[in-house]
Amino acid sequence: MYTYTYSLLFVLLNVSHSVCIHSQYSTIFAIVQKLKHSFGNFFWLYWLHTLIVLFCNFFIHTHYWKFVK
């Protein structure tokens, strides 16, 4: 039960963190569009960052709870 609760908290943390990062990049998108540069790089950077955060948290979560148990 506790493991499931912490899993849910990890997911919520990741989602909220990703939303914050995305909103920050949205303002960068607007600035970049005004400068007439390509904003695709920022989009891929956002998704790459999200995947890295999810992978790291999943890795820590699975291995950490093996040691706790």
C-alpha atoms as a PDB file:
ATOM      1  CA  MET A   1       0.000   0.000   0.000  1.00  0.00           C
ATOM      2  CA  TYR A   2       2.785   2.404   0.904  1.00  0.00           C
ATOM      3  CA  THR A   3       4.704   1.551  -2.242  1.00  0.00           C
ATOM      4  CA  TYR A   4       1.623   2.294  -4.368  1.00  0.00           C
ATOM      5  CA  THR A   5       1.122   5.620  -2.578  1.00  0.00           C
ATOM      6  CA  TYR A   6       4.726   6.648  -3.179  1.00  0.00           C
ATOM      7  CA  SER A   7       4.461   5.586  -6.824  1.00  0.00           C
ATOM      8  CA  LEU A   8       1.466   7.879  -7.206  1.00  0.00           C
ATOM      9  CA  LEU A   9       3.369  10.719  -5.556  1.00  0.00           C
ATOM     10  CA  PHE A  10       6.294  10.207  -7.934  1.00  0.00           C
ATOM     11  CA  VAL A  11       3.952  10.396 -10.926  1.00  0.00           C
ATOM     12  CA  LEU A  12       2.268  13.552  -9.634  1.00  0.00           C
ATOM     13  CA  LEU A  13       5.661  15.119  -8.965  1.00  0.00           C
ATOM     14  CA  ASN A  14       6.835  14.319 -12.494  1.00  0.00           C
ATOM     15  CA  VAL A  15       3.679  15.671 -14.107  1.00  0.00           C
ATOM     16  CA  SER A  16       3.715  18.906 -12.115  1.00  0.00           C
ATOM     17  CA  HIS A  17       7.434  19.354 -12.767  1.00  0.00           C
ATOM     18  CA  SER A  18       6.985  18.774 -16.499  1.00  0.00           C
ATOM     19  CA  VAL A  19       4.096  21.249 -16.642  1.00  0.00           C
ATOM     20  CA  CYS A  20       6.254  23.879 -14.927  1.00  0.00           C
ATOM     21  CA  ILE A  21       9.101  23.287 -17.371  1.00  0.00           C
ATOM     22  CA  HIS A  22       6.686  23.442 -20.302  1.00  0.00           C
ATOM     23  CA  SER A  23       5.165  26.734 -19.142  1.00  0.00           C
ATOM     24  CA  GLN A  24       8.662  28.210 -18.807  1.00  0.00           C
ATOM     25  CA  TYR A  25       9.494  27.098 -22.334  1.00  0.00           C
ATOM     26  CA  SER A  26       6.235  28.569 -23.617  1.00  0.00           C
ATOM     27  CA  THR A  27       7.526  32.054 -22.840  1.00  0.00           C
ATOM     28  CA  ILE A  28      10.807  31.118 -24.511  1.00  0.00           C
ATOM     29  CA  PHE A  29       8.776  29.959 -27.537  1.00  0.00           C
ATOM     30  CA  ALA A  30       7.143  33.371 -27.764  1.00  0.00           C
ATOM     31  CA  ILE A  31      10.490  35.168 -27.587  1.00  0.00           C
ATOM     32  CA  VAL A  32      12.042  32.842 -30.148  1.00  0.00           C
ATOM     33  CA  GLN A  33       9.090  33.278 -32.501  1.00  0.00           C
ATOM     34  CA  LYS A  34       9.476  37.048 -32.254  1.00  0.00           C
ATOM     35  CA  LEU A  35      13.131  36.624 -33.180  1.00  0.00           C
ATOM     36  CA  LYS A  36      11.984  34.387 -36.066  1.00  0.00           C
ATOM     37  CA  HIS A  37      14.131  31.414 -35.050  1.00  0.00           C
ATOM     38  CA  SER A  38      13.188  27.756 -35.045  1.00  0.00           C
ATOM     39  CA  PHE A  39      11.510  26.734 -31.788  1.00  0.00           C
ATOM     40  CA  GLY A  40      11.513  22.992 -32.480  1.00  0.00           C
ATOM     41  CA  ASN A  41      14.721  22.506 -30.515  1.00  0.00           C
ATOM     42  CA  PHE A  42      13.084  23.744 -27.328  1.00  0.00           C
ATOM     43  CA  PHE A  43      10.185  21.361 -27.863  1.00  0.00           C
ATOM     44  CA  TRP A  44      12.498  18.334 -28.134  1.00  0.00           C
ATOM     45  CA  LEU A  45      14.539  19.588 -25.180  1.00  0.00           C
ATOM     46  CA  TYR A  46      11.352  19.670 -23.101  1.00  0.00           C
ATOM     47  CA  TRP A  47      10.421  16.079 -24.018  1.00  0.00           C
ATOM     48  CA  LEU A  48      13.994  14.873 -23.500  1.00  0.00           C
ATOM     49  CA  HIS A  49      14.045  16.468 -20.063  1.00  0.00           C
ATOM     50  CA  THR A  50      10.700  14.854 -19.199  1.00  0.00           C
ATOM     51  CA  LEU A  51      11.909  11.402 -20.262  1.00  0.00           C
ATOM     52  CA  ILE A  52      15.130  11.759 -18.274  1.00  0.00           C
ATOM     53  CA  VAL A  53      13.221  12.828 -15.148  1.00  0.00           C
ATOM     54  CA  LEU A  54      10.764   9.955 -15.499  1.00  0.00           C
ATOM     55  CA  PHE A  55      13.519   7.403 -16.090  1.00  0.00           C
ATOM     56  CA  CYS A  56      15.625   8.613 -13.157  1.00  0.00           C
ATOM     57  CA  ASN A  57      12.666   8.620 -10.789  1.00  0.00           C
ATOM     58  CA  PHE A  58      11.580   5.173 -11.956  1.00  0.00           C
ATOM     59  CA  PHE A  59      15.116   3.818 -11.506  1.00  0.00           C
ATOM     60  CA  ILE A  60      15.495   5.369  -8.038  1.00  0.00           C
ATOM     61  CA  HIS A  61      12.009   4.250  -7.054  1.00  0.00           C
ATOM     62  CA  THR A  62      12.447   0.598  -8.046  1.00  0.00           C
ATOM     63  CA  HIS A  63      15.981   0.176  -6.707  1.00  0.00           C
ATOM     64  CA  TYR A  64      15.489   2.237  -3.570  1.00  0.00           C
ATOM     65  CA  TRP A  65      12.468   0.247  -2.409  1.00  0.00           C
ATOM     66  CA  LYS A  66      14.348  -3.028  -2.959  1.00  0.00           C
ATOM     67  CA  PHE A  67      16.903  -1.869  -0.399  1.00  0.00           C
ATOM     68  CA  VAL A  68      14.275  -0.534   2.010  1.00  0.00           C
ATOM     69  CA  LYS A  69      12.443  -3.852   2.001  1.00  0.00           C
END
